[in-house]
Each structure stands twice: as C-alpha cells, then as structure tokens.
C-alpha atoms as a PDB file:
ATOM      1  CA  UNK A   1       0.000   0.000   0.000  1.00  0.00           C
ATOM      2  CA  UNK A   2       1.226   3.493  -0.790  1.00  0.00           C
ATOM      3  CA  UNK A   3       1.058   5.711   2.290  1.00  0.00           C
ATOM      4  CA  UNK A   4       2.030   9.334   2.875  1.00  0.00           C
ATOM      5  CA  UNK A   5       4.031   9.958   6.054  1.00  0.00           C
ATOM      6  CA  UNK A   6       4.289  13.467   7.486  1.00  0.00           C
ATOM      7  CA  UNK A   7       5.186  15.151  10.729  1.00  0.00           C
ATOM      8  CA  UNK A   8       5.681  18.482  12.445  1.00  0.00           C
ATOM      9  CA  UNK A   9       3.270  20.648  10.462  1.00  0.00           C
ATOM     10  CA  UNK A  10       3.053  23.197  13.322  1.00  0.00           C
ATOM     11  CA  UNK A  11       0.081  25.186  11.973  1.00  0.00           C
ATOM     12  CA  UNK A  12       1.602  25.876   8.549  1.00  0.00           C
ATOM     13  CA  UNK A  13      -1.712  25.800   6.739  1.00  0.00           C
ATOM     14  CA  UNK A  14      -0.350  26.634   3.280  1.00  0.00           C
ATOM     15  CA  UNK A  15       2.103  23.740   3.449  1.00  0.00           C
ATOM     16  CA  UNK A  16      -0.711  21.431   4.585  1.00  0.00           C
ATOM     17  CA  UNK A  17      -2.846  22.539   1.623  1.00  0.00           C
ATOM     18  CA  UNK A  18       0.057  21.841  -0.741  1.00  0.00           C
ATOM     19  CA  UNK A  19       0.723  18.469   0.872  1.00  0.00           C
ATOM     20  CA  UNK A  20      -2.942  17.402   0.744  1.00  0.00           C
ATOM     21  CA  UNK A  21      -3.151  18.254  -2.957  1.00  0.00           C
ATOM     22  CA  UNK A  22       0.083  16.400  -3.708  1.00  0.00           C
ATOM     23  CA  UNK A  23      -1.001  13.336  -1.697  1.00  0.00           C
ATOM     24  CA  UNK A  24      -4.267  13.165  -3.635  1.00  0.00           C
ATOM     25  CA  UNK A  25      -2.344  13.491  -6.896  1.00  0.00           C
ATOM     26  CA  UNK A  26       0.109  10.732  -5.979  1.00  0.00           C
ATOM     27  CA  UNK A  27      -2.690   8.292  -5.114  1.00  0.00           C
ATOM     28  CA  UNK A  28      -1.694   7.525  -1.530  1.00  0.00           C
ATOM     29  CA  UNK A  29      -4.263   5.328   0.188  1.00  0.00           C
ATOM     30  CA  UNK A  30      -3.510   6.384   3.771  1.00  0.00           C
ATOM     31  CA  UNK A  31      -1.769   9.203   5.645  1.00  0.00           C
ATOM     32  CA  UNK A  32       0.274   8.837   8.815  1.00  0.00           C
ATOM     33  CA  UNK A  33       0.962  12.062  10.764  1.00  0.00           C
ATOM     34  CA  UNK A  34       3.696  11.660  13.384  1.00  0.00           C
ATOM     35  CA  UNK A  35       2.666  14.536  15.650  1.00  0.00           C
ATOM     36  CA  UNK A  36       2.820  18.282  16.165  1.00  0.00           C
ATOM     37  CA  UNK A  37      -0.188  19.199  14.073  1.00  0.00           C
ATOM     38  CA  UNK A  38      -0.746  21.808  16.844  1.00  0.00           C
ATOM     39  CA  UNK A  39      -4.076  23.560  16.164  1.00  0.00           C
ATOM     40  CA  UNK A  40      -7.398  21.898  15.367  1.00  0.00           C
ATOM     41  CA  UNK A  41      -7.971  24.084  12.275  1.00  0.00           C
ATOM     42  CA  UNK A  42      -5.182  22.120  10.551  1.00  0.00           C
ATOM     43  CA  UNK A  43      -7.360  19.024  10.619  1.00  0.00           C
ATOM     44  CA  UNK A  44      -9.837  20.550   8.177  1.00  0.00           C
ATOM     45  CA  UNK A  45      -7.072  20.830   5.569  1.00  0.00           C
ATOM     46  CA  UNK A  46      -5.582  17.439   6.422  1.00  0.00           C
ATOM     47  CA  UNK A  47      -8.966  15.759   6.008  1.00  0.00           C
ATOM     48  CA  UNK A  48      -9.081  16.922   2.371  1.00  0.00           C
ATOM     49  CA  UNK A  49      -6.730  14.084   1.432  1.00  0.00           C
ATOM     50  CA  UNK A  50      -9.983  12.056   1.371  1.00  0.00           C
ATOM     51  CA  UNK A  51      -8.287   8.866   2.609  1.00  0.00           C
ATOM     52  CA  UNK A  52      -7.914   7.525   6.156  1.00  0.00           C
ATOM     53  CA  UNK A  53      -5.531   9.599   8.290  1.00  0.00           C
ATOM     54  CA  UNK A  54      -3.899   8.217  11.428  1.00  0.00           C
ATOM     55  CA  UNK A  55      -2.109  10.558  13.817  1.00  0.00           C
ATOM     56  CA  UNK A  56      -0.329  10.620  17.155  1.00  0.00           C
ATOM     57  CA  UNK A  57       0.152  13.546  19.487  1.00  0.00           C
ATOM     58  CA  UNK A  58       3.452  15.405  19.576  1.00  0.00           C
ATOM     59  CA  UNK A  59       4.953  17.571  22.285  1.00  0.00           C
ATOM     60  CA  UNK A  60       3.336  20.731  20.847  1.00  0.00           C
ATOM     61  CA  UNK A  61      -0.203  19.379  20.477  1.00  0.00           C
ATOM     62  CA  UNK A  62      -1.712  21.165  23.467  1.00  0.00           C
ATOM     63  CA  UNK A  63      -5.459  20.569  23.435  1.00  0.00           C
ATOM     64  CA  UNK A  64      -5.825  16.843  22.829  1.00  0.00           C
ATOM     65  CA  UNK A  65      -9.538  16.917  23.580  1.00  0.00           C
ATOM     66  CA  UNK A  66     -10.268  19.573  20.958  1.00  0.00           C
ATOM     67  CA  UNK A  67      -8.045  17.871  18.371  1.00  0.00           C
ATOM     68  CA  UNK A  68      -9.942  14.607  18.885  1.00  0.00           C
ATOM     69  CA  UNK A  69     -13.289  16.406  18.779  1.00  0.00           C
ATOM     70  CA  UNK A  70     -12.514  18.069  15.449  1.00  0.00           C
ATOM     71  CA  UNK A  71     -11.068  14.809  14.101  1.00  0.00           C
ATOM     72  CA  UNK A  72     -14.357  13.069  14.873  1.00  0.00           C
ATOM     73  CA  UNK A  73     -16.249  15.847  13.090  1.00  0.00           C
ATOM     74  CA  UNK A  74     -14.224  15.622   9.869  1.00  0.00           C
ATOM     75  CA  UNK A  75     -14.560  11.849   9.934  1.00  0.00           C
ATOM     76  CA  UNK A  76     -11.455  10.423   8.275  1.00  0.00           C
ATOM     77  CA  UNK A  77      -8.872  11.260  10.993  1.00  0.00           C
ATOM     78  CA  UNK A  78      -8.104   8.950  13.913  1.00  0.00           C
ATOM     79  CA  UNK A  79      -5.858   9.936  16.809  1.00  0.00           C
ATOM     80  CA  UNK A  80      -3.894   7.263  18.631  1.00  0.00           C
ATOM     81  CA  UNK A  81      -1.978   7.611  21.913  1.00  0.00           C
ATOM     82  CA  UNK A  82       1.796   7.657  22.342  1.00  0.00           C
ATOM     83  CA  UNK A  83       2.033   5.372  19.347  1.00  0.00           C
ATOM     84  CA  UNK A  84      -0.329   3.950  16.805  1.00  0.00           C
ATOM     85  CA  UNK A  85      -0.385   0.847  14.683  1.00  0.00           C
ATOM     86  CA  UNK A  86      -2.389   0.128  11.578  1.00  0.00           C
ATOM     87  CA  UNK A  87      -2.801  -2.548   8.973  1.00  0.00           C
ATOM     88  CA  UNK A  88      -1.840  -0.953   5.674  1.00  0.00           C
ATOM     89  CA  UNK A  89      -3.138  -3.379   3.083  1.00  0.00           C
ATOM     90  CA  UNK A  90      -1.844  -6.375   5.032  1.00  0.00           C
ATOM     91  CA  UNK A  91       1.399  -4.669   6.048  1.00  0.00           C
ATOM     92  CA  UNK A  92       1.836  -3.753   9.728  1.00  0.00           C
ATOM     93  CA  UNK A  93       2.854  -0.102  10.252  1.00  0.00           C
ATOM     94  CA  UNK A  94       3.573   1.642  13.569  1.00  0.00           C
ATOM     95  CA  UNK A  95       4.102   5.342  14.239  1.00  0.00           C
ATOM     96  CA  UNK A  96       4.992   7.721  17.043  1.00  0.00           C
ATOM     97  CA  UNK A  97       6.378  11.201  17.577  1.00  0.00           C
ATOM     98  CA  UNK A  98       9.537  10.165  19.405  1.00  0.00           C
ATOM     99  CA  UNK A  99      12.616   8.301  18.141  1.00  0.00           C
ATOM    100  CA  UNK A 100      13.037   6.501  21.462  1.00  0.00           C
ATOM    101  CA  UNK A 101       9.575   4.951  21.147  1.00  0.00           C
ATOM    102  CA  UNK A 102      10.225   4.160  17.475  1.00  0.00           C
ATOM    103  CA  UNK A 103      13.423   2.316  18.395  1.00  0.00           C
ATOM    104  CA  UNK A 104      11.428   0.133  20.801  1.00  0.00           C
ATOM    105  CA  UNK A 105       8.860  -0.616  18.099  1.00  0.00           C
ATOM    106  CA  UNK A 106      11.597  -1.487  15.591  1.00  0.00           C
ATOM    107  CA  UNK A 107      13.270  -3.847  18.063  1.00  0.00           C
ATOM    108  CA  UNK A 108      10.169  -6.056  18.052  1.00  0.00           C
ATOM    109  CA  UNK A 109      10.556  -6.659  14.292  1.00  0.00           C
ATOM    110  CA  UNK A 110       6.746  -6.888  14.035  1.00  0.00           C
ATOM    111  CA  UNK A 111       6.290  -3.993  11.603  1.00  0.00           C
ATOM    112  CA  UNK A 112       7.242  -3.454   7.981  1.00  0.00           C
ATOM    113  CA  UNK A 113       7.460   0.295   8.613  1.00  0.00           C
ATOM    114  CA  UNK A 114       7.942   2.365  11.769  1.00  0.00           C
ATOM    115  CA  UNK A 115       7.543   6.149  11.455  1.00  0.00           C
ATOM    116  CA  UNK A 116       8.491   8.945  13.822  1.00  0.00           C
ATOM    117  CA  UNK A 117       8.918  12.734  13.832  1.00  0.00           C
ATOM    118  CA  UNK A 118       9.999  15.356  16.390  1.00  0.00           C
ATOM    119  CA  UNK A 119      13.537  16.040  15.097  1.00  0.00           C
ATOM    120  CA  UNK A 120      12.402  17.905  11.959  1.00  0.00           C
ATOM    121  CA  UNK A 121      15.096  16.010  10.031  1.00  0.00           C
ATOM    122  CA  UNK A 122      14.563  13.324   7.414  1.00  0.00           C
ATOM    123  CA  UNK A 123      16.003   9.932   8.317  1.00  0.00           C
ATOM    124  CA  UNK A 124      15.531   6.484   6.839  1.00  0.00           C
ATOM    125  CA  UNK A 125      17.225   3.179   7.473  1.00  0.00           C
ATOM    126  CA  UNK A 126      16.400  -0.497   7.193  1.00  0.00           C
ATOM    127  CA  UNK A 127      16.807  -2.384  10.471  1.00  0.00           C
ATOM    128  CA  UNK A 128      16.170  -6.070   9.968  1.00  0.00           C
ATOM    129  CA  UNK A 129      12.896  -6.273   8.073  1.00  0.00           C
ATOM    130  CA  UNK A 130      11.693  -2.843   9.256  1.00  0.00           C
ATOM    131  CA  UNK A 131      12.007   0.506   7.509  1.00  0.00           C
ATOM    132  CA  UNK A 132      12.536   3.168  10.183  1.00  0.00           C
ATOM    133  CA  UNK A 133      11.602   6.549   8.719  1.00  0.00           C
ATOM    134  CA  UNK A 134      11.279  10.158   9.790  1.00  0.00           C
ATOM    135  CA  UNK A 135       9.706  12.195   6.974  1.00  0.00           C
ATOM    136  CA  UNK A 136      11.260  15.446   8.195  1.00  0.00           C
ATOM    137  CA  UNK A 137       9.097  18.488   8.724  1.00  0.00           C
ATOM    138  CA  UNK A 138       6.115  19.770   6.818  1.00  0.00           C
ATOM    139  CA  UNK A 139       6.466  23.277   8.266  1.00  0.00           C
ATOM    140  CA  UNK A 140       9.802  24.159   6.639  1.00  0.00           C
ATOM    141  CA  UNK A 141      11.406  25.769   9.697  1.00  0.00           C
ATOM    142  CA  UNK A 142      14.815  24.387   8.762  1.00  0.00           C
ATOM    143  CA  UNK A 143      14.397  25.329   5.109  1.00  0.00           C
ATOM    144  CA  UNK A 144      13.088  22.038   3.700  1.00  0.00           C
ATOM    145  CA  UNK A 145       9.357  21.337   3.756  1.00  0.00           C
ATOM    146  CA  UNK A 146       7.935  18.000   2.757  1.00  0.00           C
ATOM    147  CA  UNK A 147       6.785  14.497   3.508  1.00  0.00           C
ATOM    148  CA  UNK A 148       7.466  10.965   2.282  1.00  0.00           C
ATOM    149  CA  UNK A 149       5.577   8.444   0.228  1.00  0.00           C
ATOM    150  CA  UNK A 150       6.229   4.889   1.407  1.00  0.00           C
ATOM    151  CA  UNK A 151       5.340   1.617  -0.264  1.00  0.00           C
ATOM    152  CA  UNK A 152       4.637  -0.547   2.781  1.00  0.00           C
ATOM    153  CA  UNK A 153       5.220  -3.905   1.089  1.00  0.00           C
ATOM    154  CA  UNK A 154       8.716  -3.139  -0.229  1.00  0.00           C
ATOM    155  CA  UNK A 155       9.862  -0.373   2.114  1.00  0.00           C
ATOM    156  CA  UNK A 156      10.719   1.842  -0.847  1.00  0.00           C
ATOM    157  CA  UNK A 157      10.154   5.540  -0.214  1.00  0.00           C
ATOM    158  CA  UNK A 158      10.273   8.863  -1.982  1.00  0.00           C
ATOM    159  CA  UNK A 159      10.958  12.213  -0.343  1.00  0.00           C
ATOM    160  CA  UNK A 160       8.534  14.874  -1.567  1.00  0.00           C
ATOM    161  CA  UNK A 161       9.715  18.472  -1.229  1.00  0.00           C
ATOM    162  CA  UNK A 162       7.124  21.236  -1.281  1.00  0.00           C
END
C-alpha cells in the first residue's frame, strides 16, 4: 500500500494545503501524521486528502480533547496515543512522535514500517525487516518542507519536497 508519512506541520496551513493536494495526486491510500499538528484548524485541511488519516500527538499538540473532537467531526482522521499501529493493506505499520519509542517498536521486528517525527530532520534506514523513517518536517522551519511516500510492502520511499 502506498502511504504518505508526514510530521511536524506546526500550523503551517499553506504547506498542509500543498501536501494534501500532492497526496491526492500521488494516489496515496492512507496518511500517517507523526505529531505536532498543533491547532485543530489544521485538521480541516488534512482531512481533504480524502483517505484515512492516522495521527499521534506530539509535544506541541496542546489541546488533545479539541483535536480529537474536530477529528471526529471531519470523519477520516483517527488519533492514537503515544504510538499507533495500523494494517496498511496487510502490512503492519507503527508510528509515534519520538525516536526513542520508534526504536522500541523497531526492536520487536513486528512492523514493515515504523515512522516517527519530532527532530524535523529526514532519516531512513532499514533495520532487519523494518524501515525506520522520519519524513522530516512539513512546516519548513529548517528550510526544507515535505513528507514521504512509502510503499509498505517493499519499504521503498520517496521524499517529496514542497
């Protein structure tokens, strides 16, 4: 399954609009957001991908209740706790905001892909059978804004720069 993996959007609504349009154009079947969406208004733009979206909370997501309330209103966004796990077309995928949690998930070797965020820096490596990936930041604070497309069966990925 082709999934889009993003993180650290930090209220940058124009980047989210660009990302949602690109994700629709690329034909991704699911979106994973690895935390720091920040404000609930971002969820309205994120929901426009029109595919299931799975998200975890980051360290800057202050009002968890309101984020979950808006997510339930838009319908295609599900928030998980410290980490989430989904079946992506038969391929197990786990995601979190923090590298330390991601390392624990990778060590189990139960997932084809483990995603994390928080550092705002792209990183990808294969550890055993698991692709460990940080898509970098959507917001562009460090100059590079984007996300990744990941094929969950093969572990192949493409960095998308906005």
